[in-house]
Amino acid sequence: MNSKGLIAKPSRLPEARELAKKGYTFEEVQKTLELPTPDMENIWLILKQERIVETPAAKVLLGPKTAIEYDRSYTLEQLRHMAKSLGLSTSGSKKEIAARLIARG
């Protein structure tokens, strides 16, 4: 993370991009590149934004499913970064942004 609490562009993104283009799933890319889940979530959000993958990371993970779980798992800046990367509004509280992320799927 950088000093503003945002997740930095991952160094393994080019490799993940190539694997995703070959049809690898979230789990396959994560296992192949041996990435921790938070790094993989960030990469998947970028790939989703680039329209390389269609399935949002939230649907393939066993991660947060409710606004309260998002609230406990992420900072406001991280939630804003995720929302921005998906073209969602970044205004509001953590729970409001989390609700948008959940609704987006």
PDB file of N, CA and C in Angstrom:
ATOM      1  N   MET A   1       0.827  -1.179   0.000  1.00  0.00           N
ATOM      2  CA  MET A   1       0.000   0.000   0.000  1.00  0.00           C
ATOM      3  C   MET A   1       0.869   1.238   0.000  1.00  0.00           C
ATOM      4  N   ASN A   2       0.377   2.284  -0.642  1.00  0.00           N
ATOM      5  CA  ASN A   2       1.139   3.516  -0.619  1.00  0.00           C
ATOM      6  C   ASN A   2       0.747   4.361   0.582  1.00  0.00           C
ATOM      7  N   SER A   3       1.321   5.555   0.707  1.00  0.00           N
ATOM      8  CA  SER A   3       1.095   6.391   1.884  1.00  0.00           C
ATOM      9  C   SER A   3      -0.349   6.863   2.017  1.00  0.00           C
ATOM     10  N   LYS A   4      -1.127   6.809   0.950  1.00  0.00           N
ATOM     11  CA  LYS A   4      -2.527   7.223   1.008  1.00  0.00           C
ATOM     12  C   LYS A   4      -3.455   6.059   1.323  1.00  0.00           C
ATOM     13  N   GLY A   5      -2.902   4.885   1.562  1.00  0.00           N
ATOM     14  CA  GLY A   5      -3.720   3.725   1.881  1.00  0.00           C
ATOM     15  C   GLY A   5      -4.251   2.996   0.668  1.00  0.00           C
ATOM     16  N   LEU A   6      -3.852   3.425  -0.519  1.00  0.00           N
ATOM     17  CA  LEU A   6      -4.311   2.756  -1.736  1.00  0.00           C
ATOM     18  C   LEU A   6      -3.378   1.612  -2.079  1.00  0.00           C
ATOM     19  N   ILE A   7      -3.920   0.617  -2.703  1.00  0.00           N
ATOM     20  CA  ILE A   7      -3.131  -0.534  -3.089  1.00  0.00           C
ATOM     21  C   ILE A   7      -2.333  -0.170  -4.327  1.00  0.00           C
ATOM     22  N   ALA A   8      -1.032  -0.389  -4.268  1.00  0.00           N
ATOM     23  CA  ALA A   8      -0.159  -0.058  -5.389  1.00  0.00           C
ATOM     24  C   ALA A   8      -0.388  -1.032  -6.542  1.00  0.00           C
ATOM     25  N   LYS A   9      -0.050  -0.599  -7.751  1.00  0.00           N
ATOM     26  CA  LYS A   9      -0.167  -1.471  -8.918  1.00  0.00           C
ATOM     27  C   LYS A   9       0.753  -2.676  -8.706  1.00  0.00           C
ATOM     28  N   PRO A  10       0.205  -3.863  -8.746  1.00  0.00           N
ATOM     29  CA  PRO A  10       1.002  -5.054  -8.456  1.00  0.00           C
ATOM     30  C   PRO A  10       2.057  -5.357  -9.513  1.00  0.00           C
ATOM     31  N   SER A  11       3.205  -5.811  -9.063  1.00  0.00           N
ATOM     32  CA  SER A  11       4.309  -6.119  -9.977  1.00  0.00           C
ATOM     33  C   SER A  11       4.026  -7.363 -10.821  1.00  0.00           C
ATOM     34  N   ARG A  12       3.159  -8.234 -10.354  1.00  0.00           N
ATOM     35  CA  ARG A  12       2.858  -9.470 -11.090  1.00  0.00           C
ATOM     36  C   ARG A  12       1.693  -9.304 -12.061  1.00  0.00           C
ATOM     37  N   LEU A  13       1.202  -8.083 -12.227  1.00  0.00           N
ATOM     38  CA  LEU A  13       0.056  -7.840 -13.098  1.00  0.00           C
ATOM     39  C   LEU A  13       0.275  -8.325 -14.530  1.00  0.00           C
ATOM     40  N   PRO A  14       1.423  -8.060 -15.161  1.00  0.00           N
ATOM     41  CA  PRO A  14       1.600  -8.541 -16.543  1.00  0.00           C
ATOM     42  C   PRO A  14       1.465 -10.061 -16.677  1.00  0.00           C
ATOM     43  N   GLU A  15       2.036 -10.783 -15.719  1.00  0.00           N
ATOM     44  CA  GLU A  15       1.934 -12.247 -15.765  1.00  0.00           C
ATOM     45  C   GLU A  15       0.492 -12.692 -15.558  1.00  0.00           C
ATOM     46  N   ALA A  16      -0.192 -12.064 -14.607  1.00  0.00           N
ATOM     47  CA  ALA A  16      -1.588 -12.410 -14.342  1.00  0.00           C
ATOM     48  C   ALA A  16      -2.454 -12.092 -15.558  1.00  0.00           C
ATOM     49  N   ARG A  17      -2.173 -10.980 -16.211  1.00  0.00           N
ATOM     50  CA  ARG A  17      -2.929 -10.583 -17.402  1.00  0.00           C
ATOM     51  C   ARG A  17      -2.810 -11.654 -18.495  1.00  0.00           C
ATOM     52  N   GLU A  18      -1.607 -12.140 -18.726  1.00  0.00           N
ATOM     53  CA  GLU A  18      -1.395 -13.171 -19.756  1.00  0.00           C
ATOM     54  C   GLU A  18      -2.123 -14.464 -19.410  1.00  0.00           C
ATOM     55  N   LEU A  19      -2.064 -14.867 -18.143  1.00  0.00           N
ATOM     56  CA  LEU A  19      -2.767 -16.088 -17.730  1.00  0.00           C
ATOM     57  C   LEU A  19      -4.274 -15.923 -17.879  1.00  0.00           C
ATOM     58  N   ALA A  20      -4.799 -14.763 -17.492  1.00  0.00           N
ATOM     59  CA  ALA A  20      -6.238 -14.523 -17.604  1.00  0.00           C
ATOM     60  C   ALA A  20      -6.680 -14.537 -19.063  1.00  0.00           C
ATOM     61  N   LYS A  21      -5.848 -13.991 -19.947  1.00  0.00           N
ATOM     62  CA  LYS A  21      -6.164 -14.002 -21.379  1.00  0.00           C
ATOM     63  C   LYS A  21      -6.229 -15.424 -21.922  1.00  0.00           C
ATOM     64  N   LYS A  22      -5.496 -16.338 -21.287  1.00  0.00           N
ATOM     65  CA  LYS A  22      -5.515 -17.745 -21.693  1.00  0.00           C
ATOM     66  C   LYS A  22      -6.686 -18.490 -21.089  1.00  0.00           C
ATOM     67  N   GLY A  23      -7.507 -17.795 -20.278  1.00  0.00           N
ATOM     68  CA  GLY A  23      -8.689 -18.414 -19.702  1.00  0.00           C
ATOM     69  C   GLY A  23      -8.518 -18.949 -18.290  1.00  0.00           C
ATOM     70  N   TYR A  24      -7.406 -18.658 -17.644  1.00  0.00           N
ATOM     71  CA  TYR A  24      -7.204 -19.109 -16.264  1.00  0.00           C
ATOM     72  C   TYR A  24      -8.229 -18.437 -15.357  1.00  0.00           C
ATOM     73  N   THR A  25      -8.701 -19.164 -14.363  1.00  0.00           N
ATOM     74  CA  THR A  25      -9.634 -18.616 -13.381  1.00  0.00           C
ATOM     75  C   THR A  25      -8.861 -17.841 -12.314  1.00  0.00           C
ATOM     76  N   PHE A  26      -9.589 -17.157 -11.467  1.00  0.00           N
ATOM     77  CA  PHE A  26      -8.999 -16.431 -10.339  1.00  0.00           C
ATOM     78  C   PHE A  26      -8.096 -17.351  -9.531  1.00  0.00           C
ATOM     79  N   GLU A  27      -8.648 -18.510  -9.151  1.00  0.00           N
ATOM     80  CA  GLU A  27      -7.908 -19.452  -8.318  1.00  0.00           C
ATOM     81  C   GLU A  27      -6.667 -19.997  -9.030  1.00  0.00           C
ATOM     82  N   GLU A  28      -6.785 -20.255 -10.323  1.00  0.00           N
ATOM     83  CA  GLU A  28      -5.643 -20.775 -11.087  1.00  0.00           C
ATOM     84  C   GLU A  28      -4.518 -19.749 -11.193  1.00  0.00           C
ATOM     85  N   VAL A  29      -4.884 -18.497 -11.435  1.00  0.00           N
ATOM     86  CA  VAL A  29      -3.865 -17.444 -11.504  1.00  0.00           C
ATOM     87  C   VAL A  29      -3.202 -17.290 -10.136  1.00  0.00           C
ATOM     88  N   GLN A  30      -4.017 -17.256  -9.087  1.00  0.00           N
ATOM     89  CA  GLN A  30      -3.488 -17.093  -7.741  1.00  0.00           C
ATOM     90  C   GLN A  30      -2.524 -18.217  -7.388  1.00  0.00           C
ATOM     91  N   LYS A  31      -2.905 -19.443  -7.700  1.00  0.00           N
ATOM     92  CA  LYS A  31      -2.056 -20.597  -7.379  1.00  0.00           C
ATOM     93  C   LYS A  31      -0.778 -20.587  -8.225  1.00  0.00           C
ATOM     94  N   THR A  32      -0.901 -20.311  -9.509  1.00  0.00           N
ATOM     95  CA  THR A  32       0.250 -20.303 -10.410  1.00  0.00           C
ATOM     96  C   THR A  32       1.283 -19.257  -9.995  1.00  0.00           C
ATOM     97  N   LEU A  33       0.806 -18.074  -9.643  1.00  0.00           N
ATOM     98  CA  LEU A  33       1.714 -16.981  -9.283  1.00  0.00           C
ATOM     99  C   LEU A  33       2.035 -16.934  -7.787  1.00  0.00           C
ATOM    100  N   GLU A  34       1.399 -17.832  -7.030  1.00  0.00           N
ATOM    101  CA  GLU A  34       1.607 -17.910  -5.578  1.00  0.00           C
ATOM    102  C   GLU A  34       1.417 -16.555  -4.910  1.00  0.00           C
ATOM    103  N   LEU A  35       0.260 -15.955  -5.175  1.00  0.00           N
ATOM    104  CA  LEU A  35      -0.050 -14.628  -4.649  1.00  0.00           C
ATOM    105  C   LEU A  35      -0.975 -14.709  -3.442  1.00  0.00           C
ATOM    106  N   PRO A  36      -0.747 -13.860  -2.440  1.00  0.00           N
ATOM    107  CA  PRO A  36      -1.689 -13.794  -1.320  1.00  0.00           C
ATOM    108  C   PRO A  36      -3.021 -13.214  -1.809  1.00  0.00           C
ATOM    109  N   THR A  37      -4.096 -13.561  -1.147  1.00  0.00           N
ATOM    110  CA  THR A  37      -5.431 -13.157  -1.583  1.00  0.00           C
ATOM    111  C   THR A  37      -5.591 -11.651  -1.760  1.00  0.00           C
ATOM    112  N   PRO A  38      -5.114 -10.787  -0.840  1.00  0.00           N
ATOM    113  CA  PRO A  38      -5.302  -9.341  -1.076  1.00  0.00           C
ATOM    114  C   PRO A  38      -4.643  -8.852  -2.370  1.00  0.00           C
ATOM    115  N   ASP A  39      -3.459  -9.365  -2.686  1.00  0.00           N
ATOM    116  CA  ASP A  39      -2.784  -8.985  -3.932  1.00  0.00           C
ATOM    117  C   ASP A  39      -3.584  -9.479  -5.136  1.00  0.00           C
ATOM    118  N   MET A  40      -4.087 -10.688  -5.046  1.00  0.00           N
ATOM    119  CA  MET A  40      -4.846 -11.264  -6.143  1.00  0.00           C
ATOM    120  C   MET A  40      -6.155 -10.518  -6.344  1.00  0.00           C
ATOM    121  N   GLU A  41      -6.800 -10.111  -5.249  1.00  0.00           N
ATOM    122  CA  GLU A  41      -8.036  -9.330  -5.368  1.00  0.00           C
ATOM    123  C   GLU A  41      -7.766  -8.038  -6.124  1.00  0.00           C
ATOM    124  N   ASN A  42      -6.672  -7.378  -5.805  1.00  0.00           N
ATOM    125  CA  ASN A  42      -6.311  -6.133  -6.477  1.00  0.00           C
ATOM    126  C   ASN A  42      -6.062  -6.372  -7.969  1.00  0.00           C
ATOM    127  N   ILE A  43      -5.312  -7.409  -8.279  1.00  0.00           N
ATOM    128  CA  ILE A  43      -5.042  -7.746  -9.681  1.00  0.00           C
ATOM    129  C   ILE A  43      -6.344  -8.038 -10.415  1.00  0.00           C
ATOM    130  N   TRP A  44      -7.226  -8.807  -9.795  1.00  0.00           N
ATOM    131  CA  TRP A  44      -8.482  -9.181 -10.455  1.00  0.00           C
ATOM    132  C   TRP A  44      -9.355  -7.949 -10.712  1.00  0.00           C
ATOM    133  N   LEU A  45      -9.346  -7.000  -9.780  1.00  0.00           N
ATOM    134  CA  LEU A  45     -10.098  -5.767 -10.000  1.00  0.00           C
ATOM    135  C   LEU A  45      -9.560  -5.010 -11.211  1.00  0.00           C
ATOM    136  N   ILE A  46      -8.245  -4.970 -11.337  1.00  0.00           N
ATOM    137  CA  ILE A  46      -7.626  -4.294 -12.488  1.00  0.00           C
ATOM    138  C   ILE A  46      -7.986  -5.022 -13.778  1.00  0.00           C
ATOM    139  N   LEU A  47      -7.916  -6.346 -13.766  1.00  0.00           N
ATOM    140  CA  LEU A  47      -8.254  -7.133 -14.959  1.00  0.00           C
ATOM    141  C   LEU A  47      -9.723  -6.968 -15.322  1.00  0.00           C
ATOM    142  N   LYS A  48     -10.577  -6.844 -14.313  1.00  0.00           N
ATOM    143  CA  LYS A  48     -12.002  -6.610 -14.554  1.00  0.00           C
ATOM    144  C   LYS A  48     -12.187  -5.243 -15.201  1.00  0.00           C
ATOM    145  N   GLN A  49     -11.479  -4.249 -14.684  1.00  0.00           N
ATOM    146  CA  GLN A  49     -11.564  -2.902 -15.241  1.00  0.00           C
ATOM    147  C   GLN A  49     -11.063  -2.873 -16.684  1.00  0.00           C
ATOM    148  N   GLU A  50     -10.040  -3.651 -16.975  1.00  0.00           N
ATOM    149  CA  GLU A  50      -9.490  -3.733 -18.337  1.00  0.00           C
ATOM    150  C   GLU A  50     -10.342  -4.622 -19.247  1.00  0.00           C
ATOM    151  N   ARG A  51     -11.379  -5.207 -18.698  1.00  0.00           N
ATOM    152  CA  ARG A  51     -12.311  -6.093 -19.418  1.00  0.00           C
ATOM    153  C   ARG A  51     -11.636  -7.360 -19.925  1.00  0.00           C
ATOM    154  N   ILE A  52     -10.624  -7.797 -19.214  1.00  0.00           N
ATOM    155  CA  ILE A  52      -9.948  -9.051 -19.540  1.00  0.00           C
ATOM    156  C   ILE A  52     -10.697 -10.215 -18.891  1.00  0.00           C
ATOM    157  N   VAL A  53     -11.262  -9.970 -17.716  1.00  0.00           N
ATOM    158  CA  VAL A  53     -12.073 -10.976 -17.030  1.00  0.00           C
ATOM    159  C   VAL A  53     -13.461 -10.395 -16.813  1.00  0.00           C
ATOM    160  N   GLU A  54     -14.444 -11.275 -16.699  1.00  0.00           N
ATOM    161  CA  GLU A  54     -15.821 -10.829 -16.500  1.00  0.00           C
ATOM    162  C   GLU A  54     -16.297 -11.026 -15.070  1.00  0.00           C
ATOM    163  N   THR A  55     -15.812 -12.060 -14.407  1.00  0.00           N
ATOM    164  CA  THR A  55     -16.276 -12.366 -13.062  1.00  0.00           C
ATOM    165  C   THR A  55     -15.575 -11.481 -12.047  1.00  0.00           C
ATOM    166  N   PRO A  56     -16.330 -10.682 -11.293  1.00  0.00           N
ATOM    167  CA  PRO A  56     -15.697  -9.875 -10.253  1.00  0.00           C
ATOM    168  C   PRO A  56     -15.037 -10.755  -9.205  1.00  0.00           C
ATOM    169  N   ALA A  57     -13.956 -10.277  -8.636  1.00  0.00           N
ATOM    170  CA  ALA A  57     -13.243 -11.033  -7.606  1.00  0.00           C
ATOM    171  C   ALA A  57     -14.168 -11.403  -6.458  1.00  0.00           C
ATOM    172  N   ALA A  58     -15.094 -10.524  -6.113  1.00  0.00           N
ATOM    173  CA  ALA A  58     -15.993 -10.780  -4.994  1.00  0.00           C
ATOM    174  C   ALA A  58     -16.812 -12.051  -5.188  1.00  0.00           C
ATOM    175  N   LYS A  59     -17.067 -12.433  -6.446  1.00  0.00           N
ATOM    176  CA  LYS A  59     -17.867 -13.633  -6.701  1.00  0.00           C
ATOM    177  C   LYS A  59     -17.043 -14.911  -6.642  1.00  0.00           C
ATOM    178  N   VAL A  60     -15.742 -14.809  -6.764  1.00  0.00           N
ATOM    179  CA  VAL A  60     -14.928 -16.019  -6.759  1.00  0.00           C
ATOM    180  C   VAL A  60     -14.223 -16.232  -5.423  1.00  0.00           C
ATOM    181  N   LEU A  61     -14.343 -15.293  -4.538  1.00  0.00           N
ATOM    182  CA  LEU A  61     -13.692 -15.398  -3.235  1.00  0.00           C
ATOM    183  C   LEU A  61     -14.681 -15.774  -2.154  1.00  0.00           C
ATOM    184  N   LEU A  62     -14.158 -16.280  -1.083  1.00  0.00           N
ATOM    185  CA  LEU A  62     -14.980 -16.529   0.091  1.00  0.00           C
ATOM    186  C   LEU A  62     -14.845 -15.351   1.049  1.00  0.00           C
ATOM    187  N   GLY A  63     -14.456 -14.221   0.519  1.00  0.00           N
ATOM    188  CA  GLY A  63     -14.226 -13.015   1.301  1.00  0.00           C
ATOM    189  C   GLY A  63     -15.524 -12.374   1.743  1.00  0.00           C
ATOM    190  N   PRO A  64     -15.454 -11.072   2.057  1.00  0.00           N
ATOM    191  CA  PRO A  64     -16.622 -10.366   2.590  1.00  0.00           C
ATOM    192  C   PRO A  64     -17.850 -10.497   1.707  1.00  0.00           C
ATOM    193  N   LYS A  65     -18.972 -10.725   2.328  1.00  0.00           N
ATOM    194  CA  LYS A  65     -20.228 -10.848   1.604  1.00  0.00           C
ATOM    195  C   LYS A  65     -21.231  -9.785   2.045  1.00  0.00           C
ATOM    196  N   THR A  66     -20.993  -9.170   3.218  1.00  0.00           N
ATOM    197  CA  THR A  66     -21.910  -8.166   3.725  1.00  0.00           C
ATOM    198  C   THR A  66     -21.169  -6.853   3.910  1.00  0.00           C
ATOM    199  N   ALA A  67     -21.933  -5.769   3.989  1.00  0.00           N
ATOM    200  CA  ALA A  67     -21.324  -4.452   4.209  1.00  0.00           C
ATOM    201  C   ALA A  67     -20.542  -4.437   5.514  1.00  0.00           C
ATOM    202  N   ILE A  68     -21.015  -5.119   6.509  1.00  0.00           N
ATOM    203  CA  ILE A  68     -20.308  -5.164   7.798  1.00  0.00           C
ATOM    204  C   ILE A  68     -18.973  -5.879   7.645  1.00  0.00           C
ATOM    205  N   GLU A  69     -18.927  -6.969   6.885  1.00  0.00           N
ATOM    206  CA  GLU A  69     -17.666  -7.682   6.668  1.00  0.00           C
ATOM    207  C   GLU A  69     -16.681  -6.820   5.885  1.00  0.00           C
ATOM    208  N   TYR A  70     -17.182  -6.096   4.880  1.00  0.00           N
ATOM    209  CA  TYR A  70     -16.309  -5.169   4.145  1.00  0.00           C
ATOM    210  C   TYR A  70     -15.788  -4.100   5.086  1.00  0.00           C
ATOM    211  N   ASP A  71     -16.680  -3.581   5.933  1.00  0.00           N
ATOM    212  CA  ASP A  71     -16.313  -2.535   6.883  1.00  0.00           C
ATOM    213  C   ASP A  71     -15.185  -2.995   7.800  1.00  0.00           C
ATOM    214  N   ARG A  72     -15.238  -4.229   8.215  1.00  0.00           N
ATOM    215  CA  ARG A  72     -14.213  -4.776   9.117  1.00  0.00           C
ATOM    216  C   ARG A  72     -12.931  -5.167   8.387  1.00  0.00           C
ATOM    217  N   SER A  73     -13.016  -5.469   7.098  1.00  0.00           N
ATOM    218  CA  SER A  73     -11.877  -6.009   6.354  1.00  0.00           C
ATOM    219  C   SER A  73     -11.051  -4.967   5.611  1.00  0.00           C
ATOM    220  N   TYR A  74     -11.637  -3.814   5.303  1.00  0.00           N
ATOM    221  CA  TYR A  74     -10.964  -2.829   4.471  1.00  0.00           C
ATOM    222  C   TYR A  74     -11.047  -1.436   5.076  1.00  0.00           C
ATOM    223  N   THR A  75     -10.064  -0.606   4.753  1.00  0.00           N
ATOM    224  CA  THR A  75     -10.113   0.796   5.143  1.00  0.00           C
ATOM    225  C   THR A  75     -11.016   1.540   4.166  1.00  0.00           C
ATOM    226  N   LEU A  76     -11.403   2.752   4.535  1.00  0.00           N
ATOM    227  CA  LEU A  76     -12.231   3.568   3.653  1.00  0.00           C
ATOM    228  C   LEU A  76     -11.513   3.829   2.333  1.00  0.00           C
ATOM    229  N   GLU A  77     -10.224   4.118   2.391  1.00  0.00           N
ATOM    230  CA  GLU A  77      -9.460   4.377   1.169  1.00  0.00           C
ATOM    231  C   GLU A  77      -9.402   3.146   0.270  1.00  0.00           C
ATOM    232  N   GLN A  78      -9.253   1.958   0.850  1.00  0.00           N
ATOM    233  CA  GLN A  78      -9.238   0.734   0.042  1.00  0.00           C
ATOM    234  C   GLN A  78     -10.591   0.519  -0.635  1.00  0.00           C
ATOM    235  N   LEU A  79     -11.672   0.749   0.103  1.00  0.00           N
ATOM    236  CA  LEU A  79     -13.006   0.593  -0.481  1.00  0.00           C
ATOM    237  C   LEU A  79     -13.221   1.609  -1.598  1.00  0.00           C
ATOM    238  N   ARG A  80     -12.766   2.833  -1.376  1.00  0.00           N
ATOM    239  CA  ARG A  80     -12.892   3.847  -2.428  1.00  0.00           C
ATOM    240  C   ARG A  80     -12.110   3.448  -3.671  1.00  0.00           C
ATOM    241  N   HIS A  81     -10.917   2.902  -3.479  1.00  0.00           N
ATOM    242  CA  HIS A  81     -10.104   2.448  -4.608  1.00  0.00           C
ATOM    243  C   HIS A  81     -10.818   1.335  -5.378  1.00  0.00           C
ATOM    244  N   MET A  82     -11.395   0.376  -4.653  1.00  0.00           N
ATOM    245  CA  MET A  82     -12.119  -0.712  -5.313  1.00  0.00           C
ATOM    246  C   MET A  82     -13.312  -0.162  -6.085  1.00  0.00           C
ATOM    247  N   ALA A  83     -14.063   0.752  -5.454  1.00  0.00           N
ATOM    248  CA  ALA A  83     -15.235   1.325  -6.119  1.00  0.00           C
ATOM    249  C   ALA A  83     -14.827   2.093  -7.368  1.00  0.00           C
ATOM    250  N   LYS A  84     -13.787   2.893  -7.249  1.00  0.00           N
ATOM    251  CA  LYS A  84     -13.320   3.677  -8.397  1.00  0.00           C
ATOM    252  C   LYS A  84     -12.893   2.775  -9.543  1.00  0.00           C
ATOM    253  N   SER A  85     -12.190   1.678  -9.217  1.00  0.00           N
ATOM    254  CA  SER A  85     -11.716   0.775 -10.267  1.00  0.00           C
ATOM    255  C   SER A  85     -12.868   0.093 -11.002  1.00  0.00           C
ATOM    256  N   LEU A  86     -14.045   0.052 -10.367  1.00  0.00           N
ATOM    257  CA  LEU A  86     -15.220  -0.546 -11.006  1.00  0.00           C
ATOM    258  C   LEU A  86     -16.183   0.501 -11.560  1.00  0.00           C
ATOM    259  N   GLY A  87     -15.766   1.756 -11.507  1.00  0.00           N
ATOM    260  CA  GLY A  87     -16.608   2.819 -12.043  1.00  0.00           C
ATOM    261  C   GLY A  87     -17.777   3.197 -11.158  1.00  0.00           C
ATOM    262  N   LEU A  88     -17.674   2.890  -9.873  1.00  0.00           N
ATOM    263  CA  LEU A  88     -18.741   3.208  -8.926  1.00  0.00           C
ATOM    264  C   LEU A  88     -18.426   4.499  -8.184  1.00  0.00           C
ATOM    265  N   SER A  89     -19.445   5.100  -7.608  1.00  0.00           N
ATOM    266  CA  SER A  89     -19.254   6.307  -6.806  1.00  0.00           C
ATOM    267  C   SER A  89     -18.372   5.982  -5.597  1.00  0.00           C
ATOM    268  N   THR A  90     -17.485   6.905  -5.269  1.00  0.00           N
ATOM    269  CA  THR A  90     -16.579   6.704  -4.132  1.00  0.00           C
ATOM    270  C   THR A  90     -17.002   7.523  -2.916  1.00  0.00           C
ATOM    271  N   SER A  91     -18.137   8.174  -2.994  1.00  0.00           N
ATOM    272  CA  SER A  91     -18.586   8.997  -1.869  1.00  0.00           C
ATOM    273  C   SER A  91     -19.349   8.154  -0.859  1.00  0.00           C
ATOM    274  N   GLY A  92     -19.392   8.649   0.369  1.00  0.00           N
ATOM    275  CA  GLY A  92     -20.158   7.988   1.414  1.00  0.00           C
ATOM    276  C   GLY A  92     -19.299   7.256   2.422  1.00  0.00           C
ATOM    277  N   SER A  93     -19.978   6.592   3.330  1.00  0.00           N
ATOM    278  CA  SER A  93     -19.312   5.849   4.399  1.00  0.00           C
ATOM    279  C   SER A  93     -18.797   4.504   3.878  1.00  0.00           C
ATOM    280  N   LYS A  94     -18.042   3.820   4.722  1.00  0.00           N
ATOM    281  CA  LYS A  94     -17.542   2.490   4.345  1.00  0.00           C
ATOM    282  C   LYS A  94     -18.696   1.563   4.010  1.00  0.00           C
ATOM    283  N   LYS A  95     -19.733   1.591   4.827  1.00  0.00           N
ATOM    284  CA  LYS A  95     -20.868   0.691   4.604  1.00  0.00           C
ATOM    285  C   LYS A  95     -21.613   1.034   3.313  1.00  0.00           C
ATOM    286  N   GLU A  96     -21.714   2.318   2.987  1.00  0.00           N
ATOM    287  CA  GLU A  96     -22.378   2.713   1.742  1.00  0.00           C
ATOM    288  C   GLU A  96     -21.582   2.261   0.521  1.00  0.00           C
ATOM    289  N   ILE A  97     -20.268   2.448   0.568  1.00  0.00           N
ATOM    290  CA  ILE A  97     -19.427   2.013  -0.554  1.00  0.00           C
ATOM    291  C   ILE A  97     -19.459   0.490  -0.663  1.00  0.00           C
ATOM    292  N   ALA A  98     -19.386  -0.194   0.485  1.00  0.00           N
ATOM    293  CA  ALA A  98     -19.454  -1.656   0.481  1.00  0.00           C
ATOM    294  C   ALA A  98     -20.752  -2.144  -0.135  1.00  0.00           C
ATOM    295  N   ALA A  99     -21.849  -1.477   0.171  1.00  0.00           N
ATOM    296  CA  ALA A  99     -23.146  -1.865  -0.392  1.00  0.00           C
ATOM    297  C   ALA A  99     -23.129  -1.742  -1.913  1.00  0.00           C
ATOM    298  N   ARG A 100     -22.475  -0.688  -2.434  1.00  0.00           N
ATOM    299  CA  ARG A 100     -22.356  -0.536  -3.886  1.00  0.00           C
ATOM    300  C   ARG A 100     -21.536  -1.661  -4.490  1.00  0.00           C
ATOM    301  N   LEU A 101     -20.441  -2.012  -3.809  1.00  0.00           N
ATOM    302  CA  LEU A 101     -19.583  -3.102  -4.311  1.00  0.00           C
ATOM    303  C   LEU A 101     -20.349  -4.428  -4.326  1.00  0.00           C
ATOM    304  N   ILE A 102     -21.113  -4.662  -3.284  1.00  0.00           N
ATOM    305  CA  ILE A 102     -21.907  -5.903  -3.209  1.00  0.00           C
ATOM    306  C   ILE A 102     -22.976  -5.922  -4.306  1.00  0.00           C
ATOM    307  N   ALA A 103     -23.651  -4.789  -4.495  1.00  0.00           N
ATOM    308  CA  ALA A 103     -24.702  -4.717  -5.516  1.00  0.00           C
ATOM    309  C   ALA A 103     -24.119  -4.903  -6.909  1.00  0.00           C
ATOM    310  N   ARG A 104     -22.907  -4.414  -7.107  1.00  0.00           N
ATOM    311  CA  ARG A 104     -22.237  -4.547  -8.407  1.00  0.00           C
ATOM    312  C   ARG A 104     -21.886  -6.005  -8.705  1.00  0.00           C
ATOM    313  N   GLY A 105     -21.632  -6.753  -7.622  1.00  0.00           N
ATOM    314  CA  GLY A 105     -21.284  -8.162  -7.772  1.00  0.00           C
ATOM    315  C   GLY A 105     -19.907  -8.320  -8.175  1.00  0.00           C
TER     316      GLY A 105
END
